[in-house]
């Protein structure tokens, strides 16, 4: 009978290959939690007013394109702008 060499489980390299991946994920998640607690997100202030200003800008751009759209439709249909009866 040959003698089995008994060594501790943490001294075997293949166990660290199996345990290493999940262990790194757990460590990374704790580091992410630390960062989330240490540096919270800044509050967004007055987002409603900024949204209204963006809508006004978009409406102004759309209104500026109205003559070009009328001319395009006139060229395609032959109907003069403002003469839709």
N, C-alpha and C. Protein backbone atom coordinates (compact mmCIF):
# COMPACT_ATOMS: atom_id res chain seq x y z
N UNK A 1 0.84 -1.18 0.00
CA UNK A 1 0.00 0.00 0.00
C UNK A 1 0.88 1.24 0.00
N UNK A 2 0.50 2.13 -0.82
CA UNK A 2 1.28 3.38 -0.81
C UNK A 2 0.64 4.36 0.15
N UNK A 3 1.47 5.17 0.67
CA UNK A 3 1.00 6.12 1.67
C UNK A 3 0.48 7.38 0.99
N UNK A 4 -0.71 7.77 1.38
CA UNK A 4 -1.29 9.00 0.84
C UNK A 4 -0.71 10.18 1.60
N UNK A 5 -0.24 11.14 0.83
CA UNK A 5 0.32 12.33 1.46
C UNK A 5 -0.84 13.27 1.75
N UNK A 6 -1.00 13.56 3.01
CA UNK A 6 -2.10 14.44 3.40
C UNK A 6 -1.57 15.86 3.49
N UNK A 7 -2.22 16.72 2.73
CA UNK A 7 -1.89 18.15 2.79
C UNK A 7 -3.19 18.92 3.02
N UNK A 8 -3.04 20.09 3.50
CA UNK A 8 -4.22 20.93 3.76
C UNK A 8 -4.84 21.34 2.43
N UNK A 9 -6.15 21.56 2.44
CA UNK A 9 -6.86 21.87 1.21
C UNK A 9 -6.43 23.20 0.62
N UNK A 10 -6.02 24.14 1.44
CA UNK A 10 -5.65 25.45 0.91
C UNK A 10 -4.27 25.46 0.27
N UNK A 11 -3.55 24.35 0.37
CA UNK A 11 -2.23 24.26 -0.25
C UNK A 11 -2.29 23.64 -1.64
N UNK A 12 -3.44 23.24 -2.07
CA UNK A 12 -3.60 22.63 -3.40
C UNK A 12 -3.99 23.73 -4.39
N UNK A 13 -3.34 23.77 -5.52
CA UNK A 13 -3.54 24.85 -6.49
C UNK A 13 -4.89 24.76 -7.19
N UNK A 14 -5.40 23.60 -7.45
CA UNK A 14 -6.64 23.49 -8.21
C UNK A 14 -7.86 23.95 -7.41
N UNK A 15 -7.81 23.89 -6.10
CA UNK A 15 -8.93 24.40 -5.31
C UNK A 15 -9.01 25.93 -5.44
N UNK A 16 -7.86 26.59 -5.54
CA UNK A 16 -7.85 28.05 -5.70
C UNK A 16 -8.31 28.44 -7.10
N UNK A 17 -8.10 27.56 -8.06
CA UNK A 17 -8.60 27.80 -9.42
C UNK A 17 -10.14 27.79 -9.42
N UNK A 18 -10.72 26.92 -8.62
CA UNK A 18 -12.18 26.81 -8.56
C UNK A 18 -12.78 27.92 -7.69
N UNK A 19 -12.16 28.20 -6.56
CA UNK A 19 -12.71 29.16 -5.60
C UNK A 19 -12.33 30.60 -5.97
N UNK A 20 -11.27 30.77 -6.72
CA UNK A 20 -10.75 32.11 -7.00
C UNK A 20 -11.71 33.02 -7.75
N UNK A 21 -12.39 32.50 -8.77
CA UNK A 21 -13.31 33.33 -9.56
C UNK A 21 -14.44 33.90 -8.73
N UNK A 22 -15.22 33.03 -8.07
CA UNK A 22 -16.31 33.57 -7.24
C UNK A 22 -15.82 34.46 -6.10
N UNK A 23 -14.66 34.14 -5.56
CA UNK A 23 -14.10 34.97 -4.49
C UNK A 23 -13.78 36.37 -4.99
N UNK A 24 -13.24 36.47 -6.20
CA UNK A 24 -12.94 37.79 -6.77
C UNK A 24 -14.23 38.58 -7.02
N UNK A 25 -15.29 37.90 -7.42
CA UNK A 25 -16.58 38.58 -7.66
C UNK A 25 -17.14 39.12 -6.35
N UNK A 26 -17.04 38.35 -5.28
CA UNK A 26 -17.54 38.81 -3.98
C UNK A 26 -16.74 40.01 -3.50
N UNK A 27 -15.43 39.97 -3.66
CA UNK A 27 -14.59 41.10 -3.25
C UNK A 27 -14.93 42.35 -4.08
N UNK A 28 -15.11 42.16 -5.39
CA UNK A 28 -15.46 43.30 -6.26
C UNK A 28 -16.82 43.87 -5.89
N UNK A 29 -17.76 43.03 -5.50
CA UNK A 29 -19.08 43.55 -5.13
C UNK A 29 -19.02 44.36 -3.84
N UNK A 30 -18.21 43.92 -2.89
CA UNK A 30 -18.06 44.71 -1.67
C UNK A 30 -17.37 46.05 -1.96
N UNK A 31 -16.41 46.06 -2.87
CA UNK A 31 -15.75 47.31 -3.25
C UNK A 31 -16.75 48.24 -3.95
N UNK A 32 -17.61 47.69 -4.79
CA UNK A 32 -18.63 48.49 -5.45
C UNK A 32 -19.62 49.06 -4.44
N UNK A 33 -20.00 48.26 -3.47
CA UNK A 33 -20.89 48.74 -2.40
C UNK A 33 -20.22 49.87 -1.63
N UNK A 34 -18.94 49.73 -1.32
CA UNK A 34 -18.19 50.78 -0.63
C UNK A 34 -18.21 52.08 -1.44
N UNK A 35 -17.96 51.98 -2.74
CA UNK A 35 -17.97 53.18 -3.58
C UNK A 35 -19.36 53.81 -3.64
N UNK A 36 -20.40 52.98 -3.69
CA UNK A 36 -21.77 53.50 -3.77
C UNK A 36 -22.15 54.23 -2.49
N UNK A 37 -21.69 53.75 -1.36
CA UNK A 37 -22.01 54.39 -0.09
C UNK A 37 -21.17 55.65 0.12
N UNK A 38 -19.90 55.59 -0.27
CA UNK A 38 -18.99 56.71 -0.04
C UNK A 38 -19.31 57.90 -0.94
N UNK A 39 -19.65 57.68 -2.19
CA UNK A 39 -19.92 58.76 -3.15
C UNK A 39 -21.32 58.59 -3.72
N UNK A 40 -22.35 59.11 -3.05
CA UNK A 40 -23.72 58.98 -3.57
C UNK A 40 -23.92 59.84 -4.81
N UNK A 41 -24.92 59.50 -5.58
CA UNK A 41 -25.23 60.26 -6.78
C UNK A 41 -25.72 61.65 -6.41
N UNK A 42 -25.33 62.66 -7.19
CA UNK A 42 -25.84 64.01 -6.90
C UNK A 42 -27.32 64.11 -7.28
N UNK A 43 -28.04 64.92 -6.56
CA UNK A 43 -29.46 65.10 -6.85
C UNK A 43 -29.62 65.94 -8.11
N UNK A 44 -30.59 65.58 -8.91
CA UNK A 44 -30.87 66.33 -10.13
C UNK A 44 -31.89 67.40 -9.76
N UNK A 45 -31.48 68.64 -9.94
CA UNK A 45 -32.35 69.73 -9.52
C UNK A 45 -33.01 70.38 -10.73
N UNK A 46 -34.24 70.73 -10.58
CA UNK A 46 -35.01 71.51 -11.56
C UNK A 46 -35.06 70.84 -12.93
N UNK A 47 -35.24 69.53 -12.96
CA UNK A 47 -35.28 68.81 -14.22
C UNK A 47 -36.54 69.15 -15.03
N UNK A 48 -37.61 69.50 -14.36
CA UNK A 48 -38.86 69.80 -15.07
C UNK A 48 -38.72 71.07 -15.91
N UNK A 49 -38.11 72.11 -15.32
CA UNK A 49 -37.93 73.37 -16.06
C UNK A 49 -36.99 73.16 -17.24
N UNK A 50 -35.94 72.36 -17.04
CA UNK A 50 -35.01 72.10 -18.14
C UNK A 50 -35.69 71.33 -19.26
N UNK A 51 -36.59 70.42 -18.90
CA UNK A 51 -37.34 69.68 -19.92
C UNK A 51 -38.25 70.58 -20.72
N UNK A 52 -38.89 71.54 -20.05
CA UNK A 52 -39.75 72.49 -20.77
C UNK A 52 -38.93 73.35 -21.73
N UNK A 53 -37.73 73.75 -21.32
CA UNK A 53 -36.87 74.55 -22.21
C UNK A 53 -36.44 73.75 -23.43
N UNK A 54 -36.15 72.48 -23.22
CA UNK A 54 -35.78 71.63 -24.36
C UNK A 54 -36.94 71.52 -25.33
N UNK A 55 -38.16 71.35 -24.82
CA UNK A 55 -39.33 71.26 -25.69
C UNK A 55 -39.54 72.54 -26.48
N UNK A 56 -39.32 73.70 -25.85
CA UNK A 56 -39.45 74.97 -26.57
C UNK A 56 -38.43 75.06 -27.71
N UNK A 57 -37.22 74.61 -27.45
CA UNK A 57 -36.17 74.64 -28.48
C UNK A 57 -36.55 73.72 -29.63
N UNK A 58 -37.04 72.53 -29.32
CA UNK A 58 -37.43 71.59 -30.37
C UNK A 58 -38.61 72.11 -31.18
N UNK A 59 -39.58 72.75 -30.52
CA UNK A 59 -40.71 73.32 -31.23
C UNK A 59 -40.27 74.45 -32.14
N UNK A 60 -39.33 75.27 -31.70
CA UNK A 60 -38.83 76.36 -32.53
C UNK A 60 -38.12 75.81 -33.76
N UNK A 61 -37.36 74.75 -33.60
CA UNK A 61 -36.69 74.15 -34.76
C UNK A 61 -37.71 73.58 -35.74
N UNK A 62 -38.77 72.96 -35.21
CA UNK A 62 -39.80 72.40 -36.09
C UNK A 62 -40.53 73.52 -36.82
N UNK A 63 -40.82 74.63 -36.13
CA UNK A 63 -41.51 75.75 -36.77
C UNK A 63 -40.64 76.41 -37.83
N UNK A 64 -39.34 76.41 -37.66
CA UNK A 64 -38.44 76.98 -38.66
C UNK A 64 -38.43 76.14 -39.93
N UNK A 65 -38.76 74.86 -39.82
CA UNK A 65 -38.76 73.99 -40.99
C UNK A 65 -40.08 74.01 -41.74
N UNK A 66 -41.09 74.69 -41.23
CA UNK A 66 -42.41 74.68 -41.86
C UNK A 66 -42.38 75.22 -43.29
N UNK A 67 -41.72 76.35 -43.61
CA UNK A 67 -41.69 76.80 -45.01
C UNK A 67 -41.01 75.80 -45.94
N UNK A 68 -39.96 75.15 -45.47
CA UNK A 68 -39.27 74.17 -46.31
C UNK A 68 -40.17 72.96 -46.57
N UNK A 69 -40.93 72.56 -45.59
CA UNK A 69 -41.83 71.42 -45.79
C UNK A 69 -42.96 71.78 -46.74
N UNK A 70 -43.45 73.02 -46.64
CA UNK A 70 -44.51 73.45 -47.57
C UNK A 70 -43.98 73.49 -49.00
N UNK A 71 -42.76 73.98 -49.17
CA UNK A 71 -42.18 74.04 -50.52
C UNK A 71 -41.95 72.64 -51.06
N UNK A 72 -41.53 71.73 -50.22
CA UNK A 72 -41.30 70.36 -50.66
C UNK A 72 -42.62 69.74 -51.09
N UNK A 73 -43.66 69.96 -50.30
CA UNK A 73 -44.96 69.40 -50.66
C UNK A 73 -45.50 70.02 -51.94
N UNK A 74 -45.24 71.31 -52.14
CA UNK A 74 -45.67 71.99 -53.35
C UNK A 74 -44.97 71.40 -54.57
N UNK A 75 -43.68 71.14 -54.44
CA UNK A 75 -42.93 70.58 -55.55
C UNK A 75 -43.39 69.16 -55.88
N UNK A 76 -43.79 68.42 -54.90
CA UNK A 76 -44.22 67.05 -55.12
C UNK A 76 -45.65 66.94 -55.66
N UNK A 77 -46.54 67.86 -55.23
CA UNK A 77 -47.95 67.74 -55.60
C UNK A 77 -48.40 68.76 -56.62
N UNK A 78 -47.70 69.88 -56.71
CA UNK A 78 -48.11 70.92 -57.62
C UNK A 78 -49.15 71.87 -57.04
N UNK A 79 -49.53 71.66 -55.79
CA UNK A 79 -50.49 72.54 -55.14
C UNK A 79 -49.72 73.63 -54.41
N UNK A 80 -50.07 74.89 -54.66
CA UNK A 80 -49.36 76.00 -54.02
C UNK A 80 -49.66 76.01 -52.52
N UNK A 81 -48.67 76.42 -51.71
CA UNK A 81 -48.89 76.48 -50.27
C UNK A 81 -49.99 77.49 -49.94
N UNK A 82 -50.87 77.12 -49.04
CA UNK A 82 -51.95 78.00 -48.61
C UNK A 82 -53.15 77.93 -49.52
N UNK A 83 -53.13 77.13 -50.58
CA UNK A 83 -54.23 77.05 -51.53
C UNK A 83 -54.96 75.70 -51.45
N UNK A 84 -54.92 75.06 -50.30
CA UNK A 84 -55.59 73.76 -50.15
C UNK A 84 -57.08 74.00 -49.94
N UNK A 85 -57.89 73.78 -50.96
CA UNK A 85 -59.35 73.96 -50.84
C UNK A 85 -60.01 72.62 -50.77
